[in-house]
Amino acid sequence: MSKKIVILANSRKLSGRCVAGKDEYGNWIRLTKNGHNPIPISEAINYGMLKVLQVEGIISRPSRQFNYHSENANYTRATSINDLDIETVDRLLDHPEDIFGTGKQVAELEVQNLNESLLLVEVSDFTIYVKNGGQYPDKLRGKFTYNGTMYSDIAVTDSFVEGRLSTCRSPYQETYETAYITISLGEIFNGYAYKLISGVIIP
């Protein structure tokens, strides 16, 4: 099967990148290699935000370990064909009441009952900041307001944002009146799936 996909997430993982987007019908697809492996960095670097890819050989491969990673799909080849006009991003937005509940994490018993792990939402008062890591390296975090609720201390894993801010140190921050962000749920760690800002689009 062949599909056109708009890239809305390109997120750091330990062994590669999590690359995901929506097809022309608004369905989320997380591109994976050989089962559920992430995309190699050497390939993922070409898949910038709002790139439109022609993806060949797509086969749905929902995760058996994490029920909510239902969007996983293997593929044989992806070719960049053009960029989506940022003015048309609105039509791709999701409109949930909240973003996988409140707070920065979802308990394992709750998250395994979800049937999705990706959301593209428009938020206000979006701030990216560098948090002091104490004895550990500084951490990139985000906070924002969605539907009247403040979300804070959310890890920013967007690969391109991380690269741009790699030399910044606490208490650096930058704030935007509005932004489009992709929130994804990571794998379960110590009983929780943490929310990640895996894609950032500034209008």
C-alpha atoms as a PDB file:
ATOM      1  CA  MET A   1       0.000   0.000   0.000  1.00  0.00           C
ATOM      2  CA  SER A   2       1.176   3.521  -0.786  1.00  0.00           C
ATOM      3  CA  LYS A   3       0.217   6.652   1.170  1.00  0.00           C
ATOM      4  CA  LYS A   4       1.087  10.317   1.388  1.00  0.00           C
ATOM      5  CA  ILE A   5       1.959  11.320   4.946  1.00  0.00           C
ATOM      6  CA  VAL A   6       2.557  14.759   6.450  1.00  0.00           C
ATOM      7  CA  ILE A   7       5.324  14.568   9.059  1.00  0.00           C
ATOM      8  CA  LEU A   8       4.161  15.929  12.420  1.00  0.00           C
ATOM      9  CA  ALA A   9       6.665  14.293  14.765  1.00  0.00           C
ATOM     10  CA  ASN A  10      10.376  13.550  14.594  1.00  0.00           C
ATOM     11  CA  SER A  11      11.413  12.619  18.082  1.00  0.00           C
ATOM     12  CA  ARG A  12      14.579  11.382  19.759  1.00  0.00           C
ATOM     13  CA  LYS A  13      14.769   7.763  20.876  1.00  0.00           C
ATOM     14  CA  LEU A  14      17.716   5.879  22.327  1.00  0.00           C
ATOM     15  CA  SER A  15      18.446   4.007  19.107  1.00  0.00           C
ATOM     16  CA  GLY A  16      17.014   6.259  16.420  1.00  0.00           C
ATOM     17  CA  ARG A  17      14.029   8.520  15.814  1.00  0.00           C
ATOM     18  CA  CYS A  18      10.273   8.212  16.207  1.00  0.00           C
ATOM     19  CA  VAL A  19       8.809   9.602  12.979  1.00  0.00           C
ATOM     20  CA  ALA A  20       5.045   9.993  12.649  1.00  0.00           C
ATOM     21  CA  GLY A  21       2.450  11.899  10.693  1.00  0.00           C
ATOM     22  CA  LYS A  22      -1.044  11.883   9.257  1.00  0.00           C
ATOM     23  CA  ASP A  23      -2.323  10.575   5.957  1.00  0.00           C
ATOM     24  CA  GLU A  24      -4.817  12.412   3.734  1.00  0.00           C
ATOM     25  CA  TYR A  25      -7.715  11.059   5.794  1.00  0.00           C
ATOM     26  CA  GLY A  26      -6.314  12.352   9.078  1.00  0.00           C
ATOM     27  CA  ASN A  27      -5.128   8.956  10.318  1.00  0.00           C
ATOM     28  CA  TRP A  28      -1.947   8.829  12.372  1.00  0.00           C
ATOM     29  CA  ILE A  29       0.887   6.596  11.151  1.00  0.00           C
ATOM     30  CA  ARG A  30       4.094   5.968  13.099  1.00  0.00           C
ATOM     31  CA  LEU A  31       6.774   4.705  10.714  1.00  0.00           C
ATOM     32  CA  THR A  32       8.723   1.737  12.052  1.00  0.00           C
ATOM     33  CA  LYS A  33      11.429  -0.611  10.804  1.00  0.00           C
ATOM     34  CA  ASN A  34      11.491  -4.396  11.083  1.00  0.00           C
ATOM     35  CA  GLY A  35       8.601  -4.747  13.484  1.00  0.00           C
ATOM     36  CA  HIS A  36       8.660  -1.828  15.892  1.00  0.00           C
ATOM     37  CA  ASN A  37      12.196  -0.464  15.588  1.00  0.00           C
ATOM     38  CA  PRO A  38      12.708   3.321  15.276  1.00  0.00           C
ATOM     39  CA  ILE A  39      13.933   5.033  12.105  1.00  0.00           C
ATOM     40  CA  PRO A  40      17.741   5.350  11.813  1.00  0.00           C
ATOM     41  CA  ILE A  41      18.978   8.886  12.436  1.00  0.00           C
ATOM     42  CA  SER A  42      20.642   8.994   9.018  1.00  0.00           C
ATOM     43  CA  GLU A  43      17.223   8.566   7.388  1.00  0.00           C
ATOM     44  CA  ALA A  44      15.060  10.460   9.874  1.00  0.00           C
ATOM     45  CA  ILE A  45      17.084  13.661   9.505  1.00  0.00           C
ATOM     46  CA  ASN A  46      15.478  14.066   6.059  1.00  0.00           C
ATOM     47  CA  TYR A  47      11.947  13.984   7.465  1.00  0.00           C
ATOM     48  CA  GLY A  48      11.443  17.501   8.778  1.00  0.00           C
ATOM     49  CA  MET A  49       8.214  18.838  10.193  1.00  0.00           C
ATOM     50  CA  LEU A  50       5.505  19.379   7.545  1.00  0.00           C
ATOM     51  CA  LYS A  51       7.400  17.374   4.914  1.00  0.00           C
ATOM     52  CA  VAL A  52       5.006  15.424   2.718  1.00  0.00           C
ATOM     53  CA  LEU A  53       6.280  11.897   2.106  1.00  0.00           C
ATOM     54  CA  GLN A  54       5.212   9.344  -0.454  1.00  0.00           C
ATOM     55  CA  VAL A  55       5.471   6.142   1.582  1.00  0.00           C
ATOM     56  CA  GLU A  56       5.483   2.771  -0.133  1.00  0.00           C
ATOM     57  CA  GLY A  57       4.704  -0.689   1.202  1.00  0.00           C
ATOM     58  CA  ILE A  58       2.867   0.401   4.355  1.00  0.00           C
ATOM     59  CA  ILE A  59       1.702  -2.463   6.551  1.00  0.00           C
ATOM     60  CA  SER A  60      -0.041  -1.786   9.876  1.00  0.00           C
ATOM     61  CA  ARG A  61       1.912  -3.294  12.790  1.00  0.00           C
ATOM     62  CA  PRO A  62       0.244  -2.226  16.099  1.00  0.00           C
ATOM     63  CA  SER A  63       2.453  -2.830  19.126  1.00  0.00           C
ATOM     64  CA  ARG A  64       1.680  -6.018  21.024  1.00  0.00           C
ATOM     65  CA  GLN A  65       3.480  -4.744  24.121  1.00  0.00           C
ATOM     66  CA  PHE A  66       1.955  -1.275  24.320  1.00  0.00           C
ATOM     67  CA  ASN A  67      -1.709  -1.360  23.282  1.00  0.00           C
ATOM     68  CA  TYR A  68      -1.878   2.402  22.830  1.00  0.00           C
ATOM     69  CA  HIS A  69       0.871   2.344  20.172  1.00  0.00           C
ATOM     70  CA  SER A  70      -1.750   1.370  17.640  1.00  0.00           C
ATOM     71  CA  GLU A  71      -0.373   3.663  14.912  1.00  0.00           C
ATOM     72  CA  ASN A  72       2.821   1.674  14.204  1.00  0.00           C
ATOM     73  CA  ALA A  73       3.353   0.668  10.584  1.00  0.00           C
ATOM     74  CA  ASN A  74       6.249  -0.861   8.649  1.00  0.00           C
ATOM     75  CA  TYR A  75       7.128   0.445   5.190  1.00  0.00           C
ATOM     76  CA  THR A  76       9.607  -0.217   2.407  1.00  0.00           C
ATOM     77  CA  ARG A  77      10.485   3.274   1.138  1.00  0.00           C
ATOM     78  CA  ALA A  78       9.683   6.928   1.843  1.00  0.00           C
ATOM     79  CA  THR A  79      10.367   9.800  -0.540  1.00  0.00           C
ATOM     80  CA  SER A  80       9.969  13.500   0.250  1.00  0.00           C
ATOM     81  CA  ILE A  81       7.803  15.136  -2.437  1.00  0.00           C
ATOM     82  CA  ASN A  82       7.025  18.606  -1.043  1.00  0.00           C
ATOM     83  CA  ASP A  83       6.215  20.648   2.089  1.00  0.00           C
ATOM     84  CA  LEU A  84       2.776  21.324   3.527  1.00  0.00           C
ATOM     85  CA  ASP A  85       1.816  24.998   3.691  1.00  0.00           C
ATOM     86  CA  ILE A  86       1.747  25.942   7.381  1.00  0.00           C
ATOM     87  CA  GLU A  87      -1.455  27.879   6.738  1.00  0.00           C
ATOM     88  CA  THR A  88      -3.281  24.571   6.211  1.00  0.00           C
ATOM     89  CA  VAL A  89      -2.155  22.846   9.413  1.00  0.00           C
ATOM     90  CA  ASP A  90      -5.475  23.638  11.104  1.00  0.00           C
ATOM     91  CA  ARG A  91      -7.225  20.920   9.126  1.00  0.00           C
ATOM     92  CA  LEU A  92      -4.933  18.290  10.673  1.00  0.00           C
ATOM     93  CA  LEU A  93      -5.588  19.249  14.288  1.00  0.00           C
ATOM     94  CA  ASP A  94      -7.041  16.877  16.846  1.00  0.00           C
ATOM     95  CA  HIS A  95      -9.602  18.315  19.264  1.00  0.00           C
ATOM     96  CA  PRO A  96      -9.612  16.204  22.445  1.00  0.00           C
ATOM     97  CA  GLU A  97     -11.131  17.531  25.666  1.00  0.00           C
ATOM     98  CA  ASP A  98      -7.743  17.064  27.339  1.00  0.00           C
ATOM     99  CA  ILE A  99      -4.333  15.711  26.390  1.00  0.00           C
ATOM    100  CA  PHE A 100      -4.419  12.153  27.681  1.00  0.00           C
ATOM    101  CA  GLY A 101      -5.712  13.515  30.980  1.00  0.00           C
ATOM    102  CA  THR A 102      -3.949  16.150  33.064  1.00  0.00           C
ATOM    103  CA  GLY A 103      -0.359  16.157  34.273  1.00  0.00           C
ATOM    104  CA  LYS A 104       2.742  14.875  32.510  1.00  0.00           C
ATOM    105  CA  GLN A 105       2.189  11.115  32.703  1.00  0.00           C
ATOM    106  CA  VAL A 106      -0.436   8.388  32.453  1.00  0.00           C
ATOM    107  CA  ALA A 107      -0.496   5.379  34.772  1.00  0.00           C
ATOM    108  CA  GLU A 108       0.121   1.975  33.168  1.00  0.00           C
ATOM    109  CA  LEU A 109      -3.346   0.613  33.952  1.00  0.00           C
ATOM    110  CA  GLU A 110      -4.947   3.643  32.323  1.00  0.00           C
ATOM    111  CA  VAL A 111      -2.685   4.002  29.304  1.00  0.00           C
ATOM    112  CA  GLN A 112      -3.077   0.391  28.219  1.00  0.00           C
ATOM    113  CA  ASN A 113      -6.798   1.087  27.817  1.00  0.00           C
ATOM    114  CA  LEU A 114      -6.151   3.872  25.318  1.00  0.00           C
ATOM    115  CA  ASN A 115      -6.309   3.207  21.589  1.00  0.00           C
ATOM    116  CA  GLU A 116      -3.986   6.005  20.482  1.00  0.00           C
ATOM    117  CA  SER A 117      -0.723   7.631  21.477  1.00  0.00           C
ATOM    118  CA  LEU A 118      -0.436  10.707  19.241  1.00  0.00           C
ATOM    119  CA  LEU A 119      -2.242  14.054  19.213  1.00  0.00           C
ATOM    120  CA  LEU A 120      -1.664  17.259  17.244  1.00  0.00           C
ATOM    121  CA  VAL A 121      -3.091  20.213  19.150  1.00  0.00           C
ATOM    122  CA  GLU A 122      -2.986  23.994  19.073  1.00  0.00           C
ATOM    123  CA  VAL A 123      -1.833  25.421  22.412  1.00  0.00           C
ATOM    124  CA  SER A 124      -1.322  28.867  23.891  1.00  0.00           C
ATOM    125  CA  ASP A 125       1.427  30.371  26.071  1.00  0.00           C
ATOM    126  CA  PHE A 126       3.858  27.752  24.813  1.00  0.00           C
ATOM    127  CA  THR A 127       7.240  27.936  26.552  1.00  0.00           C
ATOM    128  CA  ILE A 128      10.297  25.830  25.833  1.00  0.00           C
ATOM    129  CA  TYR A 129      12.774  26.017  28.704  1.00  0.00           C
ATOM    130  CA  VAL A 130      15.962  24.410  29.909  1.00  0.00           C
ATOM    131  CA  LYS A 131      15.529  22.833  33.327  1.00  0.00           C
ATOM    132  CA  ASN A 132      18.457  22.473  35.695  1.00  0.00           C
ATOM    133  CA  GLY A 133      19.274  18.790  35.948  1.00  0.00           C
ATOM    134  CA  GLY A 134      21.278  19.071  39.133  1.00  0.00           C
ATOM    135  CA  GLN A 135      24.032  16.468  38.962  1.00  0.00           C
ATOM    136  CA  TYR A 136      22.678  15.397  35.566  1.00  0.00           C
ATOM    137  CA  PRO A 137      22.728  17.278  32.228  1.00  0.00           C
ATOM    138  CA  ASP A 138      20.163  20.050  31.794  1.00  0.00           C
ATOM    139  CA  LYS A 139      16.801  18.921  30.419  1.00  0.00           C
ATOM    140  CA  LEU A 140      14.646  20.475  27.698  1.00  0.00           C
ATOM    141  CA  ARG A 141      11.066  20.918  28.875  1.00  0.00           C
ATOM    142  CA  GLY A 142       7.846  22.560  27.699  1.00  0.00           C
ATOM    143  CA  LYS A 143       4.780  24.083  29.294  1.00  0.00           C
ATOM    144  CA  PHE A 144       1.573  25.328  27.709  1.00  0.00           C
ATOM    145  CA  THR A 145      -2.157  25.819  28.109  1.00  0.00           C
ATOM    146  CA  TYR A 146      -4.735  23.696  26.317  1.00  0.00           C
ATOM    147  CA  ASN A 147      -8.496  24.033  26.748  1.00  0.00           C
ATOM    148  CA  GLY A 148      -7.996  26.038  29.944  1.00  0.00           C
ATOM    149  CA  THR A 149      -5.601  23.542  31.555  1.00  0.00           C
ATOM    150  CA  MET A 150      -1.901  24.198  32.160  1.00  0.00           C
ATOM    151  CA  TYR A 151       0.529  21.405  31.320  1.00  0.00           C
ATOM    152  CA  SER A 152       4.110  21.722  32.541  1.00  0.00           C
ATOM    153  CA  ASP A 153       7.414  19.853  32.822  1.00  0.00           C
ATOM    154  CA  ILE A 154       6.718  17.929  29.594  1.00  0.00           C
ATOM    155  CA  ALA A 155       9.892  16.572  27.986  1.00  0.00           C
ATOM    156  CA  VAL A 156      10.687  18.123  24.593  1.00  0.00           C
ATOM    157  CA  THR A 157      12.062  15.408  22.316  1.00  0.00           C
ATOM    158  CA  ASP A 158      11.560  17.086  18.927  1.00  0.00           C
ATOM    159  CA  SER A 159      14.901  16.303  17.248  1.00  0.00           C
ATOM    160  CA  PHE A 160      15.147  19.627  15.423  1.00  0.00           C
ATOM    161  CA  VAL A 161      14.331  21.723  18.503  1.00  0.00           C
ATOM    162  CA  GLU A 162      16.881  19.742  20.510  1.00  0.00           C
ATOM    163  CA  GLY A 163      19.520  20.412  17.866  1.00  0.00           C
ATOM    164  CA  ARG A 164      18.768  24.133  17.757  1.00  0.00           C
ATOM    165  CA  LEU A 165      18.937  24.509  21.534  1.00  0.00           C
ATOM    166  CA  SER A 166      21.721  22.014  22.219  1.00  0.00           C
ATOM    167  CA  THR A 167      24.103  24.674  23.576  1.00  0.00           C
ATOM    168  CA  CYS A 168      21.524  26.466  25.752  1.00  0.00           C
ATOM    169  CA  ARG A 169      21.660  26.083  29.516  1.00  0.00           C
ATOM    170  CA  SER A 170      19.308  26.769  32.410  1.00  0.00           C
ATOM    171  CA  PRO A 171      17.532  29.197  32.891  1.00  0.00           C
ATOM    172  CA  TYR A 172      17.155  29.738  29.110  1.00  0.00           C
ATOM    173  CA  GLN A 173      13.586  29.843  27.788  1.00  0.00           C
ATOM    174  CA  GLU A 174      11.564  31.064  24.816  1.00  0.00           C
ATOM    175  CA  THR A 175       7.815  31.710  24.770  1.00  0.00           C
ATOM    176  CA  TYR A 176       5.288  31.812  21.943  1.00  0.00           C
ATOM    177  CA  GLU A 177       1.725  33.080  22.073  1.00  0.00           C
ATOM    178  CA  THR A 178       0.522  30.039  20.158  1.00  0.00           C
ATOM    179  CA  ALA A 179       1.985  26.850  18.696  1.00  0.00           C
ATOM    180  CA  TYR A 180       1.032  23.548  17.110  1.00  0.00           C
ATOM    181  CA  ILE A 181       2.569  20.645  18.970  1.00  0.00           C
ATOM    182  CA  THR A 182       2.443  16.882  18.699  1.00  0.00           C
ATOM    183  CA  ILE A 183       2.121  15.077  22.007  1.00  0.00           C
ATOM    184  CA  SER A 184       3.071  11.411  22.052  1.00  0.00           C
ATOM    185  CA  LEU A 185       3.028   8.829  24.808  1.00  0.00           C
ATOM    186  CA  GLY A 186       6.319   7.059  25.395  1.00  0.00           C
ATOM    187  CA  GLU A 187       6.873   3.462  26.395  1.00  0.00           C
ATOM    188  CA  ILE A 188       5.978   2.515  29.965  1.00  0.00           C
ATOM    189  CA  PHE A 189       8.695   3.434  32.469  1.00  0.00           C
ATOM    190  CA  ASN A 190       8.367   2.731  36.194  1.00  0.00           C
ATOM    191  CA  GLY A 191       4.625   2.239  35.852  1.00  0.00           C
ATOM    192  CA  TYR A 192       3.895   5.311  33.727  1.00  0.00           C
ATOM    193  CA  ALA A 193       3.798   6.412  30.093  1.00  0.00           C
ATOM    194  CA  TYR A 194       5.200   9.936  29.963  1.00  0.00           C
ATOM    195  CA  LYS A 195       3.884  12.620  27.628  1.00  0.00           C
ATOM    196  CA  LEU A 196       6.454  13.899  25.128  1.00  0.00           C
ATOM    197  CA  ILE A 197       6.479  16.993  22.930  1.00  0.00           C
ATOM    198  CA  SER A 198       7.616  15.115  19.856  1.00  0.00           C
ATOM    199  CA  GLY A 199       6.878  17.767  17.244  1.00  0.00           C
ATOM    200  CA  VAL A 200       6.822  21.587  17.341  1.00  0.00           C
ATOM    201  CA  ILE A 201       5.399  23.931  14.703  1.00  0.00           C
ATOM    202  CA  ILE A 202       5.499  27.680  15.360  1.00  0.00           C
ATOM    203  CA  PRO A 203       3.034  29.627  13.154  1.00  0.00           C
END
